[in-house]
Amino acid sequence: MATDKKSTSKSSKSKEKVEDKGVTRAEAEKAAQSSKAAAPASKAKTKSASAKKAAKPAGAPAAKKPKKAGAAPKRNPLISKSHYEKNYEPQWHVVDAKGVVLGRLSSKIAKVLMGKHRPQFTRGADCGDFVVVINAEKVKLTGNKLTDKWYHYHTHHMGGIKSFTPSDLFEKHPERVIERAVYGMLPKGHLGRQWYKRLRVYAGPEHPHKAQQPKVMTAAQDK
């Protein structure tokens, strides 16, 4: 009997509290149930937010904003454009090596092969011409170079070093004296090899390139 009295007294007190606030018991129960249902959803949101924070490193940059539809691309000021002549046609030149100093003749031939005589000369671009040399056997060497100068090359075999003087070379292949001098003045690379192929050297006064109508190129005479 005592327990029944206590329970009835507690229920009556709770009813009085609810009635004092102006809310029925049924409405209070519904509010309690809705608060319980909203609790796990809020926990899930906090978990997803913490997972996103953990996925991003501390020093990661912020995400870029999407570009606008009509926005123009930014230009890179460090990029430089190179303009080359498209309609380039190499010309042919003929030079007489009779009585001309070897070094002066070779330097002029190398400039024409590289295209440095042209106003549209561009480094790294092929803008050179063809050069035909005649009377290579009559080229002049100053001082005692004819006997004191030495050429060397190796056959890539054991003891395959070969040495000879310009006088020895004039007896067998006089055109190779000018070829060696010009080759030493050209750059050693792809363009240098391409320019060297445009050199035509002949020991005598005749050449088989009359169909190309080469222009006469004056060489610097020895003073």
N, C-alpha and C. Protein backbone atom coordinates (compact mmCIF):
# COMPACT_ATOMS: atom_id res chain seq x y z
N MET A 1 0.82 -1.20 0.00
CA MET A 1 0.00 0.00 0.00
C MET A 1 0.87 1.27 0.00
N ALA A 2 1.98 1.17 0.74
CA ALA A 2 2.87 2.35 0.80
C ALA A 2 3.48 2.66 -0.55
N THR A 3 3.87 1.60 -1.30
CA THR A 3 4.47 1.80 -2.63
C THR A 3 3.48 2.38 -3.60
N ASP A 4 2.22 1.92 -3.53
CA ASP A 4 1.19 2.46 -4.43
C ASP A 4 0.95 3.94 -4.16
N LYS A 5 1.00 4.30 -2.92
CA LYS A 5 0.81 5.71 -2.58
C LYS A 5 1.94 6.57 -3.13
N LYS A 6 3.21 6.05 -3.06
CA LYS A 6 4.36 6.80 -3.55
C LYS A 6 4.28 7.00 -5.05
N SER A 7 3.95 5.92 -5.80
CA SER A 7 3.87 6.01 -7.27
C SER A 7 2.78 6.97 -7.70
N THR A 8 1.65 6.88 -7.04
CA THR A 8 0.55 7.80 -7.39
C THR A 8 0.93 9.24 -7.10
N SER A 9 1.67 9.42 -6.01
CA SER A 9 2.09 10.79 -5.67
C SER A 9 3.08 11.34 -6.70
N LYS A 10 4.01 10.49 -7.21
CA LYS A 10 5.00 10.92 -8.21
C LYS A 10 4.31 11.28 -9.52
N SER A 11 3.38 10.40 -9.96
CA SER A 11 2.66 10.66 -11.22
C SER A 11 1.83 11.93 -11.13
N SER A 12 1.23 12.13 -9.97
CA SER A 12 0.43 13.35 -9.79
C SER A 12 1.30 14.59 -9.83
N LYS A 13 2.52 14.50 -9.26
CA LYS A 13 3.44 15.64 -9.27
C LYS A 13 3.89 15.96 -10.70
N SER A 14 4.23 14.88 -11.49
CA SER A 14 4.67 15.12 -12.88
C SER A 14 3.56 15.72 -13.71
N LYS A 15 2.31 15.25 -13.49
CA LYS A 15 1.17 15.82 -14.20
C LYS A 15 1.02 17.29 -13.86
N GLU A 16 1.19 17.60 -12.59
CA GLU A 16 1.06 18.99 -12.16
C GLU A 16 2.11 19.89 -12.83
N LYS A 17 3.36 19.36 -12.94
CA LYS A 17 4.44 20.14 -13.57
C LYS A 17 4.13 20.41 -15.04
N VAL A 18 3.66 19.34 -15.76
CA VAL A 18 3.34 19.49 -17.18
C VAL A 18 2.18 20.45 -17.37
N GLU A 19 1.15 20.33 -16.50
CA GLU A 19 -0.01 21.20 -16.60
C GLU A 19 0.36 22.64 -16.30
N ASP A 20 1.32 22.83 -15.35
CA ASP A 20 1.76 24.20 -15.04
C ASP A 20 2.38 24.88 -16.27
N LYS A 21 3.15 24.12 -17.08
CA LYS A 21 3.80 24.69 -18.26
C LYS A 21 2.81 24.88 -19.41
N GLY A 22 1.63 24.32 -19.34
CA GLY A 22 0.65 24.48 -20.40
C GLY A 22 0.82 23.48 -21.53
N VAL A 23 1.51 22.32 -21.29
CA VAL A 23 1.76 21.29 -22.31
C VAL A 23 1.19 19.99 -21.80
N THR A 24 0.51 19.26 -22.68
CA THR A 24 -0.05 17.97 -22.27
C THR A 24 1.02 16.92 -22.24
N ARG A 25 0.74 15.81 -21.64
CA ARG A 25 1.72 14.72 -21.51
C ARG A 25 2.02 14.11 -22.89
N ALA A 26 1.02 13.97 -23.74
CA ALA A 26 1.23 13.38 -25.07
C ALA A 26 2.19 14.24 -25.91
N GLU A 27 2.04 15.55 -25.83
CA GLU A 27 2.93 16.44 -26.58
C GLU A 27 4.36 16.35 -26.06
N ALA A 28 4.50 16.21 -24.76
CA ALA A 28 5.84 16.09 -24.18
C ALA A 28 6.52 14.81 -24.63
N GLU A 29 5.76 13.71 -24.72
CA GLU A 29 6.35 12.43 -25.17
C GLU A 29 6.79 12.52 -26.63
N LYS A 30 5.99 13.20 -27.46
CA LYS A 30 6.37 13.36 -28.87
C LYS A 30 7.65 14.18 -29.02
N ALA A 31 7.78 15.21 -28.23
CA ALA A 31 8.99 16.04 -28.28
C ALA A 31 10.22 15.26 -27.86
N ALA A 32 10.06 14.39 -26.85
CA ALA A 32 11.19 13.57 -26.39
C ALA A 32 11.61 12.59 -27.47
N GLN A 33 10.64 11.99 -28.16
CA GLN A 33 10.97 11.03 -29.22
C GLN A 33 11.69 11.72 -30.40
N SER A 34 11.22 12.91 -30.78
CA SER A 34 11.86 13.64 -31.89
C SER A 34 13.30 14.05 -31.55
N SER A 35 13.54 14.42 -30.28
CA SER A 35 14.91 14.78 -29.87
C SER A 35 15.83 13.58 -29.91
N LYS A 36 15.31 12.39 -29.54
CA LYS A 36 16.12 11.16 -29.62
C LYS A 36 16.45 10.80 -31.07
N ALA A 37 15.51 11.00 -32.00
CA ALA A 37 15.75 10.67 -33.41
C ALA A 37 16.75 11.64 -34.03
N ALA A 38 16.76 12.90 -33.60
CA ALA A 38 17.68 13.90 -34.17
C ALA A 38 19.10 13.74 -33.65
N ALA A 39 19.27 13.08 -32.51
CA ALA A 39 20.61 12.92 -31.92
C ALA A 39 21.54 12.10 -32.80
N PRO A 40 21.17 10.90 -33.33
CA PRO A 40 22.11 10.15 -34.18
C PRO A 40 22.45 10.87 -35.48
N ALA A 41 21.51 11.65 -36.05
CA ALA A 41 21.80 12.38 -37.29
C ALA A 41 22.87 13.43 -37.06
N SER A 42 22.80 14.14 -35.94
CA SER A 42 23.82 15.15 -35.64
C SER A 42 25.18 14.51 -35.40
N LYS A 43 25.16 13.30 -34.75
CA LYS A 43 26.42 12.58 -34.53
C LYS A 43 27.05 12.18 -35.87
N ALA A 44 26.21 11.72 -36.84
CA ALA A 44 26.73 11.31 -38.15
C ALA A 44 27.36 12.50 -38.88
N LYS A 45 26.72 13.69 -38.75
CA LYS A 45 27.27 14.88 -39.39
C LYS A 45 28.63 15.25 -38.81
N THR A 46 28.75 15.19 -37.52
CA THR A 46 30.04 15.52 -36.89
C THR A 46 31.11 14.52 -37.29
N LYS A 47 30.73 13.22 -37.42
CA LYS A 47 31.70 12.21 -37.84
C LYS A 47 32.19 12.46 -39.27
N SER A 48 31.27 12.79 -40.20
CA SER A 48 31.66 13.05 -41.59
C SER A 48 32.55 14.29 -41.69
N ALA A 49 32.25 15.31 -40.90
CA ALA A 49 33.08 16.53 -40.92
C ALA A 49 34.48 16.24 -40.39
N SER A 50 34.58 15.43 -39.33
CA SER A 50 35.90 15.08 -38.79
C SER A 50 36.68 14.22 -39.77
N ALA A 51 35.98 13.33 -40.50
CA ALA A 51 36.66 12.48 -41.48
C ALA A 51 37.23 13.32 -42.62
N LYS A 52 36.49 14.35 -43.08
CA LYS A 52 36.98 15.22 -44.13
C LYS A 52 38.21 16.00 -43.69
N LYS A 53 38.19 16.46 -42.45
CA LYS A 53 39.35 17.19 -41.93
C LYS A 53 40.57 16.29 -41.84
N ALA A 54 40.35 15.02 -41.45
CA ALA A 54 41.48 14.08 -41.34
C ALA A 54 42.02 13.74 -42.72
N ALA A 55 41.17 13.70 -43.76
CA ALA A 55 41.62 13.35 -45.11
C ALA A 55 42.52 14.43 -45.69
N LYS A 56 42.24 15.70 -45.43
CA LYS A 56 43.06 16.79 -45.94
C LYS A 56 44.29 16.98 -45.07
N PRO A 57 45.50 17.04 -45.68
CA PRO A 57 46.69 17.32 -44.87
C PRO A 57 46.68 18.75 -44.35
N ALA A 58 47.56 18.98 -43.41
CA ALA A 58 47.57 20.28 -42.74
C ALA A 58 47.96 21.40 -43.69
N GLY A 59 48.99 21.16 -44.56
CA GLY A 59 49.46 22.22 -45.45
C GLY A 59 48.91 22.13 -46.86
N ALA A 60 47.78 21.45 -47.08
CA ALA A 60 47.22 21.30 -48.42
C ALA A 60 46.65 22.63 -48.90
N PRO A 61 46.84 22.97 -50.22
CA PRO A 61 46.30 24.23 -50.73
C PRO A 61 44.79 24.16 -50.88
N ALA A 62 44.18 25.31 -50.88
CA ALA A 62 42.73 25.36 -51.00
C ALA A 62 42.31 24.99 -52.42
N ALA A 63 41.10 24.47 -52.55
CA ALA A 63 40.59 24.05 -53.85
C ALA A 63 40.40 25.27 -54.75
N LYS A 64 40.76 25.10 -56.07
CA LYS A 64 40.64 26.21 -57.01
C LYS A 64 39.18 26.41 -57.40
N LYS A 65 38.85 27.67 -57.61
CA LYS A 65 37.50 27.99 -58.03
C LYS A 65 37.33 27.66 -59.51
N PRO A 66 36.16 27.21 -59.93
CA PRO A 66 35.94 26.91 -61.36
C PRO A 66 36.04 28.17 -62.21
N LYS A 67 36.64 28.02 -63.42
CA LYS A 67 36.82 29.16 -64.30
C LYS A 67 35.48 29.58 -64.91
N LYS A 68 35.41 30.85 -65.22
CA LYS A 68 34.21 31.37 -65.86
C LYS A 68 34.14 30.89 -67.31
N ALA A 69 32.93 30.93 -67.87
CA ALA A 69 32.71 30.41 -69.22
C ALA A 69 33.46 31.23 -70.26
N GLY A 70 33.44 32.54 -70.16
CA GLY A 70 34.06 33.40 -71.17
C GLY A 70 35.42 33.94 -70.78
N ALA A 71 36.09 33.34 -69.79
CA ALA A 71 37.38 33.86 -69.32
C ALA A 71 38.48 33.48 -70.30
N ALA A 72 39.37 34.43 -70.63
CA ALA A 72 40.49 34.19 -71.54
C ALA A 72 41.63 33.53 -70.79
N PRO A 73 42.40 32.62 -71.45
CA PRO A 73 43.52 31.98 -70.76
C PRO A 73 44.65 32.96 -70.49
N LYS A 74 45.35 32.78 -69.38
CA LYS A 74 46.46 33.66 -69.02
C LYS A 74 47.67 33.33 -69.87
N ARG A 75 48.42 34.36 -70.25
CA ARG A 75 49.61 34.18 -71.06
C ARG A 75 50.83 34.05 -70.16
N ASN A 76 51.75 33.17 -70.59
CA ASN A 76 53.00 32.99 -69.87
C ASN A 76 54.04 33.94 -70.45
N PRO A 77 54.52 34.93 -69.70
CA PRO A 77 55.47 35.89 -70.28
C PRO A 77 56.85 35.29 -70.55
N LEU A 78 57.16 34.10 -70.02
CA LEU A 78 58.48 33.51 -70.19
C LEU A 78 58.61 32.77 -71.52
N ILE A 79 57.51 32.49 -72.21
CA ILE A 79 57.56 31.77 -73.48
C ILE A 79 57.90 32.76 -74.59
N SER A 80 58.95 32.45 -75.37
CA SER A 80 59.35 33.30 -76.49
C SER A 80 59.15 32.55 -77.80
N LYS A 81 58.61 33.22 -78.78
CA LYS A 81 58.35 32.60 -80.07
C LYS A 81 59.52 32.86 -81.02
N SER A 82 59.82 31.87 -81.86
CA SER A 82 60.87 31.98 -82.85
C SER A 82 60.23 31.98 -84.24
N HIS A 83 60.61 32.95 -85.05
CA HIS A 83 60.05 33.07 -86.39
C HIS A 83 61.14 32.76 -87.41
N TYR A 84 60.85 31.83 -88.31
CA TYR A 84 61.80 31.42 -89.33
C TYR A 84 61.22 31.70 -90.72
N GLU A 85 62.11 31.89 -91.67
CA GLU A 85 61.69 32.13 -93.04
C GLU A 85 61.26 30.81 -93.67
N LYS A 86 60.04 30.75 -94.20
CA LYS A 86 59.52 29.51 -94.77
C LYS A 86 60.01 29.30 -96.21
N ASN A 87 60.00 30.34 -97.01
CA ASN A 87 60.37 30.22 -98.42
C ASN A 87 61.87 30.44 -98.60
N TYR A 88 62.68 29.61 -97.95
CA TYR A 88 64.13 29.75 -98.03
C TYR A 88 64.66 28.83 -99.12
N GLU A 89 65.46 29.38 -100.02
CA GLU A 89 66.08 28.60 -101.09
C GLU A 89 67.58 28.87 -101.06
N PRO A 90 68.41 27.86 -100.80
CA PRO A 90 69.87 28.08 -100.78
C PRO A 90 70.41 28.41 -102.16
N GLN A 91 71.38 29.32 -102.18
CA GLN A 91 72.02 29.72 -103.43
C GLN A 91 73.37 29.03 -103.57
N TRP A 92 73.93 29.13 -104.76
CA TRP A 92 75.23 28.50 -105.05
C TRP A 92 76.26 29.60 -105.30
N HIS A 93 77.46 29.40 -104.75
CA HIS A 93 78.57 30.34 -104.92
C HIS A 93 79.80 29.56 -105.35
N VAL A 94 80.63 30.19 -106.17
CA VAL A 94 81.89 29.59 -106.59
C VAL A 94 83.02 30.56 -106.24
N VAL A 95 84.12 30.01 -105.73
CA VAL A 95 85.26 30.83 -105.31
C VAL A 95 86.54 30.18 -105.82
N ASP A 96 87.45 31.02 -106.28
CA ASP A 96 88.74 30.56 -106.79
C ASP A 96 89.77 30.68 -105.67
N ALA A 97 90.41 29.56 -105.32
CA ALA A 97 91.37 29.53 -104.21
C ALA A 97 92.80 29.79 -104.65
N LYS A 98 93.02 30.18 -105.89
CA LYS A 98 94.38 30.39 -106.40
C LYS A 98 95.03 31.60 -105.74
N GLY A 99 96.15 31.37 -105.02
CA GLY A 99 96.90 32.44 -104.38
C GLY A 99 96.25 33.04 -103.15
N VAL A 100 95.20 32.43 -102.60
CA VAL A 100 94.50 32.96 -101.42
C VAL A 100 95.00 32.22 -100.18
N VAL A 101 95.17 32.95 -99.08
CA VAL A 101 95.62 32.35 -97.82
C VAL A 101 94.55 31.38 -97.31
N LEU A 102 94.99 30.23 -96.84
CA LEU A 102 94.06 29.16 -96.45
C LEU A 102 93.11 29.60 -95.34
N GLY A 103 93.62 30.27 -94.30
CA GLY A 103 92.78 30.64 -93.17
C GLY A 103 91.71 31.66 -93.54
N ARG A 104 92.09 32.69 -94.31
CA ARG A 104 91.13 33.71 -94.72
C ARG A 104 90.05 33.13 -95.64
N LEU A 105 90.46 32.26 -96.54
CA LEU A 105 89.51 31.63 -97.44
C LEU A 105 88.54 30.74 -96.67
N SER A 106 89.06 29.95 -95.74
CA SER A 106 88.21 29.01 -94.99
C SER A 106 87.20 29.73 -94.11
N SER A 107 87.61 30.85 -93.49
CA SER A 107 86.68 31.58 -92.63
C SER A 107 85.54 32.19 -93.43
N LYS A 108 85.84 32.67 -94.63
CA LYS A 108 84.78 33.24 -95.47
C LYS A 108 83.83 32.14 -95.96
N ILE A 109 84.38 30.99 -96.33
CA ILE A 109 83.54 29.87 -96.78
C ILE A 109 82.63 29.41 -95.64
N ALA A 110 83.17 29.33 -94.43
CA ALA A 110 82.36 28.88 -93.28
C ALA A 110 81.20 29.84 -93.01
N LYS A 111 81.42 31.14 -93.15
CA LYS A 111 80.34 32.11 -92.93
C LYS A 111 79.22 31.95 -93.95
N VAL A 112 79.60 31.69 -95.21
CA VAL A 112 78.58 31.52 -96.25
C VAL A 112 77.82 30.21 -96.05
N LEU A 113 78.52 29.17 -95.63
CA LEU A 113 77.85 27.88 -95.37
C LEU A 113 76.84 28.00 -94.24
N MET A 114 77.16 28.80 -93.21
CA MET A 114 76.25 28.98 -92.08
C MET A 114 75.15 29.99 -92.36
N GLY A 115 75.31 30.82 -93.40
CA GLY A 115 74.30 31.82 -93.72
C GLY A 115 74.48 33.13 -92.99
N LYS A 116 75.67 33.40 -92.46
CA LYS A 116 75.89 34.65 -91.72
C LYS A 116 75.97 35.87 -92.64
N HIS A 117 76.07 35.65 -93.94
CA HIS A 117 76.09 36.77 -94.88
C HIS A 117 74.68 37.25 -95.22
N ARG A 118 73.66 36.52 -94.78
CA ARG A 118 72.27 36.87 -95.07
C ARG A 118 71.70 37.79 -93.99
N PRO A 119 70.84 38.73 -94.34
CA PRO A 119 70.22 39.59 -93.30
C PRO A 119 69.23 38.84 -92.42
N GLN A 120 68.65 37.73 -92.92
CA GLN A 120 67.69 36.95 -92.13
C GLN A 120 68.36 35.80 -91.40
N PHE A 121 69.67 35.91 -91.12
CA PHE A 121 70.37 34.83 -90.40
C PHE A 121 69.77 34.65 -89.01
N THR A 122 69.50 33.39 -88.66
CA THR A 122 68.93 33.04 -87.36
C THR A 122 69.72 31.89 -86.77
N ARG A 123 70.16 32.04 -85.54
CA ARG A 123 70.89 30.96 -84.88
C ARG A 123 69.95 29.78 -84.63
N GLY A 124 70.44 28.59 -84.92
CA GLY A 124 69.62 27.40 -84.74
C GLY A 124 68.77 27.06 -85.94
N ALA A 125 68.80 27.90 -86.99
CA ALA A 125 68.03 27.64 -88.20
C ALA A 125 68.98 27.45 -89.38
N ASP A 126 68.58 26.63 -90.33
CA ASP A 126 69.40 26.35 -91.50
C ASP A 126 69.10 27.40 -92.56
N CYS A 127 70.02 28.33 -92.75
CA CYS A 127 69.83 29.38 -93.76
C CYS A 127 71.12 29.60 -94.55
N GLY A 128 71.94 28.55 -94.71
CA GLY A 128 73.21 28.65 -95.42
C GLY A 128 73.09 28.34 -96.90
N ASP A 129 74.19 28.55 -97.62
CA ASP A 129 74.24 28.35 -99.07
C ASP A 129 75.28 27.29 -99.42
N PHE A 130 75.31 26.92 -100.71
CA PHE A 130 76.31 25.99 -101.24
C PHE A 130 77.53 26.78 -101.69
N VAL A 131 78.71 26.19 -101.51
CA VAL A 131 79.96 26.83 -101.92
C VAL A 131 80.77 25.83 -102.73
N VAL A 132 81.22 26.26 -103.90
CA VAL A 132 82.07 25.44 -104.77
C VAL A 132 83.44 26.10 -104.81
N VAL A 133 84.49 25.35 -104.50
CA VAL A 133 85.86 25.86 -104.47
C VAL A 133 86.64 25.20 -105.60
N ILE A 134 87.31 26.02 -106.41
CA ILE A 134 88.15 25.50 -107.49
C ILE A 134 89.60 25.91 -107.24
N ASN A 135 90.53 25.23 -107.92
CA ASN A 135 91.97 25.46 -107.79
C ASN A 135 92.42 25.30 -106.33
N ALA A 136 91.95 24.24 -105.69
CA ALA A 136 92.33 23.99 -104.29
C ALA A 136 93.80 23.65 -104.16
N GLU A 137 94.42 23.13 -105.22
CA GLU A 137 95.83 22.76 -105.16
C GLU A 137 96.75 23.97 -105.16
N LYS A 138 96.21 25.16 -105.48
CA LYS A 138 97.01 26.38 -105.55
C LYS A 138 96.75 27.33 -104.39
N VAL A 139 96.13 26.83 -103.31
CA VAL A 139 95.89 27.67 -102.15
C VAL A 139 97.22 27.95 -101.45
N LYS A 140 97.30 29.09 -100.74
CA LYS A 140 98.56 29.52 -100.16
C LYS A 140 98.57 29.29 -98.65
N LEU A 141 99.69 28.79 -98.14
CA LEU A 141 99.93 28.63 -96.70
C LEU A 141 101.08 29.54 -96.30
N THR A 142 100.90 30.36 -95.28
CA THR A 142 101.92 31.31 -94.87
C THR A 142 102.95 30.63 -93.98
N GLY A 143 104.16 31.27 -93.95
CA GLY A 143 105.22 30.76 -93.08
C GLY A 143 105.71 29.38 -93.51
N ASN A 144 106.03 28.54 -92.52
CA ASN A 144 106.51 27.19 -92.78
C ASN A 144 105.43 26.12 -92.54
N LYS A 145 104.15 26.53 -92.68
CA LYS A 145 103.07 25.59 -92.40
C LYS A 145 103.05 24.41 -93.37
N LEU A 146 103.58 24.60 -94.55
CA LEU A 146 103.54 23.53 -95.54
C LEU A 146 104.30 22.30 -95.07
N THR A 147 105.35 22.50 -94.27
CA THR A 147 106.16 21.37 -93.79
C THR A 147 106.11 21.21 -92.28
N ASP A 148 105.83 22.29 -91.53
CA ASP A 148 105.87 22.21 -90.07
C ASP A 148 104.50 21.90 -89.45
N LYS A 149 103.42 22.15 -90.17
CA LYS A 149 102.09 21.85 -89.64
C LYS A 149 101.82 20.35 -89.76
N TRP A 150 101.16 19.79 -88.74
CA TRP A 150 100.88 18.35 -88.73
C TRP A 150 99.39 18.10 -88.54
N TYR A 151 98.89 17.13 -89.30
CA TYR A 151 97.52 16.63 -89.13
C TYR A 151 97.59 15.26 -88.47
N HIS A 152 96.65 15.00 -87.60
CA HIS A 152 96.61 13.71 -86.89
C HIS A 152 95.20 13.12 -86.94
N TYR A 153 95.14 11.82 -87.04
CA TYR A 153 93.87 11.10 -86.86
C TYR A 153 94.19 9.68 -86.44
N HIS A 154 93.20 9.00 -85.86
CA HIS A 154 93.39 7.66 -85.32
C HIS A 154 92.40 6.70 -85.97
N THR A 155 92.86 5.49 -86.23
CA THR A 155 92.01 4.47 -86.87
C THR A 155 91.18 3.69 -85.87
N HIS A 156 91.28 4.02 -84.57
CA HIS A 156 90.56 3.34 -83.49
C HIS A 156 91.02 1.88 -83.32
N HIS A 157 92.24 1.61 -83.74
CA HIS A 157 92.86 0.31 -83.48
C HIS A 157 94.16 0.54 -82.71
N MET A 158 94.69 -0.52 -82.13
CA MET A 158 95.91 -0.41 -81.34
C MET A 158 97.06 0.10 -82.21
N GLY A 159 97.68 1.22 -81.80
CA GLY A 159 98.78 1.81 -82.55
C GLY A 159 98.36 2.39 -83.88
N GLY A 160 97.10 2.85 -83.99
CA GLY A 160 96.58 3.34 -85.27
C GLY A 160 96.67 4.83 -85.45
N ILE A 161 97.62 5.51 -84.82
CA ILE A 161 97.78 6.95 -84.98
C ILE A 161 98.42 7.24 -86.35
N LYS A 162 97.86 8.20 -87.07
CA LYS A 162 98.38 8.58 -88.38
C LYS A 162 98.68 10.07 -88.35
N SER A 163 99.86 10.46 -88.82
CA SER A 163 100.29 11.86 -88.84
C SER A 163 100.87 12.18 -90.21
N PHE A 164 100.59 13.39 -90.70
CA PHE A 164 101.10 13.80 -92.01
C PHE A 164 101.07 15.33 -92.08
N THR A 165 101.81 15.90 -93.01
CA THR A 165 101.92 17.35 -93.18
C THR A 165 101.07 17.78 -94.38
N PRO A 166 100.83 19.10 -94.53
CA PRO A 166 100.09 19.57 -95.70
C PRO A 166 100.76 19.23 -97.03
N SER A 167 102.09 19.20 -97.04
CA SER A 167 102.78 18.84 -98.29
C SER A 167 102.46 17.40 -98.69
N ASP A 168 102.38 16.49 -97.71
CA ASP A 168 101.99 15.11 -98.01
C ASP A 168 100.55 15.04 -98.52
N LEU A 169 99.68 15.88 -97.95
CA LEU A 169 98.28 15.86 -98.35
C LEU A 169 98.08 16.47 -99.74
N PHE A 170 98.90 17.47 -100.10
CA PHE A 170 98.80 18.08 -101.42
C PHE A 170 99.16 17.08 -102.53
N GLU A 171 100.04 16.14 -102.24
CA GLU A 171 100.45 15.16 -103.25
C GLU A 171 99.32 14.17 -103.58
N LYS A 172 98.53 13.78 -102.55
CA LYS A 172 97.50 12.76 -102.77
C LYS A 172 96.11 13.38 -102.96
N HIS A 173 95.69 14.21 -102.01
CA HIS A 173 94.34 14.81 -102.03
C HIS A 173 94.45 16.29 -101.68
N PRO A 174 94.74 17.16 -102.63
CA PRO A 174 94.90 18.59 -102.31
C PRO A 174 93.60 19.26 -101.84
N GLU A 175 92.44 18.73 -102.24
CA GLU A 175 91.17 19.34 -101.83
C GLU A 175 90.90 19.15 -100.34
N ARG A 176 91.52 18.16 -99.72
CA ARG A 176 91.25 17.88 -98.31
C ARG A 176 91.88 18.92 -97.38
N VAL A 177 92.85 19.69 -97.87
CA VAL A 177 93.43 20.75 -97.04
C VAL A 177 92.38 21.80 -96.72
N ILE A 178 91.62 22.22 -97.73
CA ILE A 178 90.56 23.20 -97.51
C ILE A 178 89.40 22.57 -96.74
N GLU A 179 89.07 21.33 -97.04
CA GLU A 179 87.97 20.66 -96.34
C GLU A 179 88.23 20.56 -94.84
N ARG A 180 89.46 20.22 -94.47
CA ARG A 180 89.80 20.13 -93.05
C ARG A 180 89.74 21.50 -92.37
N ALA A 181 90.22 22.53 -93.05
CA ALA A 181 90.23 23.88 -92.46
C ALA A 181 88.80 24.39 -92.25
N VAL A 182 87.92 24.16 -93.22
CA VAL A 182 86.53 24.63 -93.10
C VAL A 182 85.79 23.82 -92.04
N TYR A 183 86.04 22.52 -92.00
CA TYR A 183 85.36 21.67 -91.01
C TYR A 183 85.70 22.11 -89.58
N GLY A 184 86.95 22.54 -89.36
CA GLY A 184 87.34 23.00 -88.03
C GLY A 184 86.69 24.30 -87.62
N MET A 185 86.18 25.08 -88.59
CA MET A 185 85.54 26.36 -88.28
C MET A 185 84.02 26.26 -88.16
N LEU A 186 83.44 25.11 -88.44
CA LEU A 186 82.00 24.92 -88.33
C LEU A 186 81.65 24.34 -86.96
N PRO A 187 80.46 24.62 -86.44
CA PRO A 187 80.06 24.03 -85.15
C PRO A 187 79.90 22.52 -85.26
N LYS A 188 80.22 21.84 -84.18
CA LYS A 188 80.14 20.37 -84.16
C LYS A 188 78.76 19.96 -83.66
N GLY A 189 77.88 19.72 -84.58
CA GLY A 189 76.52 19.34 -84.23
C GLY A 189 75.74 18.96 -85.47
N HIS A 190 74.42 18.88 -85.31
CA HIS A 190 73.57 18.47 -86.44
C HIS A 190 73.65 19.48 -87.58
N LEU A 191 73.54 20.77 -87.26
CA LEU A 191 73.60 21.79 -88.30
C LEU A 191 74.99 21.88 -88.92
N GLY A 192 76.02 21.70 -88.09
CA GLY A 192 77.38 21.75 -88.62
C GLY A 192 77.64 20.67 -89.66
N ARG A 193 77.15 19.46 -89.39
CA ARG A 193 77.31 18.37 -90.37
C ARG A 193 76.49 18.64 -91.63
N GLN A 194 75.33 19.25 -91.47
CA GLN A 194 74.49 19.56 -92.63
C GLN A 194 75.13 20.65 -93.49
N TRP A 195 75.73 21.66 -92.85
CA TRP A 195 76.41 22.72 -93.60
C TRP A 195 77.64 22.19 -94.32
N TYR A 196 78.36 21.28 -93.67
CA TYR A 196 79.59 20.76 -94.28
C TYR A 196 79.29 19.98 -95.56
N LYS A 197 78.11 19.37 -95.64
CA LYS A 197 77.75 18.60 -96.84
C LYS A 197 77.53 19.50 -98.06
N ARG A 198 77.39 20.81 -97.85
CA ARG A 198 77.16 21.74 -98.95
C ARG A 198 78.47 22.30 -99.53
N LEU A 199 79.57 21.82 -99.03
CA LEU A 199 80.87 22.27 -99.52
C LEU A 199 81.35 21.34 -100.63
N ARG A 200 81.76 21.92 -101.77
CA ARG A 200 82.29 21.16 -102.90
C ARG A 200 83.67 21.74 -103.24
N VAL A 201 84.70 20.92 -103.10
CA VAL A 201 86.07 21.38 -103.33
C VAL A 201 86.67 20.54 -104.46
N TYR A 202 87.33 21.24 -105.42
CA TYR A 202 87.94 20.57 -106.57
C TYR A 202 89.36 21.10 -106.74
N ALA A 203 90.26 20.19 -107.06
CA ALA A 203 91.68 20.56 -107.16
C ALA A 203 91.95 21.42 -108.40
N GLY A 204 91.24 21.18 -109.50
CA GLY A 204 91.47 21.90 -110.75
C GLY A 204 90.55 23.10 -110.92
N PRO A 205 90.61 23.72 -112.12
CA PRO A 205 89.80 24.92 -112.38
C PRO A 205 88.37 24.62 -112.83
N GLU A 206 88.00 23.39 -113.02
CA GLU A 206 86.67 23.05 -113.52
C GLU A 206 85.84 22.36 -112.43
N HIS A 207 84.51 22.51 -112.59
CA HIS A 207 83.59 21.87 -111.64
C HIS A 207 82.32 21.47 -112.38
N PRO A 208 81.60 20.44 -111.91
CA PRO A 208 80.40 19.95 -112.60
C PRO A 208 79.09 20.58 -112.11
N HIS A 209 79.14 21.83 -111.63
CA HIS A 209 77.94 22.47 -111.07
C HIS A 209 77.54 23.72 -111.86
N LYS A 210 77.75 23.69 -113.17
CA LYS A 210 77.39 24.84 -113.99
C LYS A 210 75.88 24.96 -114.16
N ALA A 211 75.17 23.85 -114.03
CA ALA A 211 73.71 23.89 -114.17
C ALA A 211 73.05 24.69 -113.05
N GLN A 212 73.70 24.77 -111.89
CA GLN A 212 73.15 25.54 -110.75
C GLN A 212 73.42 27.04 -110.89
N GLN A 213 74.22 27.44 -111.90
CA GLN A 213 74.55 28.84 -112.15
C GLN A 213 75.07 29.53 -110.88
N PRO A 214 76.21 29.06 -110.35
CA PRO A 214 76.73 29.65 -109.11
C PRO A 214 77.24 31.07 -109.33
N LYS A 215 77.08 31.89 -108.29
CA LYS A 215 77.57 33.26 -108.32
C LYS A 215 79.04 33.28 -107.92
N VAL A 216 79.81 34.16 -108.56
CA VAL A 216 81.24 34.26 -108.26
C VAL A 216 81.42 35.01 -106.94
N MET A 217 82.14 34.38 -106.03
CA MET A 217 82.41 34.97 -104.72
C MET A 217 83.88 35.35 -104.65
N THR A 218 84.17 36.60 -104.36
CA THR A 218 85.55 37.06 -104.30
C THR A 218 86.13 36.69 -102.94
N ALA A 219 87.34 36.16 -102.96
CA ALA A 219 88.04 35.80 -101.73
C ALA A 219 89.03 36.89 -101.38
N ALA A 220 89.38 36.99 -100.10
CA ALA A 220 90.34 38.00 -99.62
C ALA A 220 91.73 37.61 -100.07
N GLN A 221 92.35 38.46 -100.89
CA GLN A 221 93.69 38.18 -101.39
C GLN A 221 94.74 38.54 -100.33
N ASP A 222 95.88 37.88 -100.42
CA ASP A 222 96.98 38.17 -99.49
C ASP A 222 97.64 39.48 -99.89
N LYS A 223 97.80 40.37 -98.92
CA LYS A 223 98.41 41.68 -99.20
C LYS A 223 99.91 41.62 -98.95
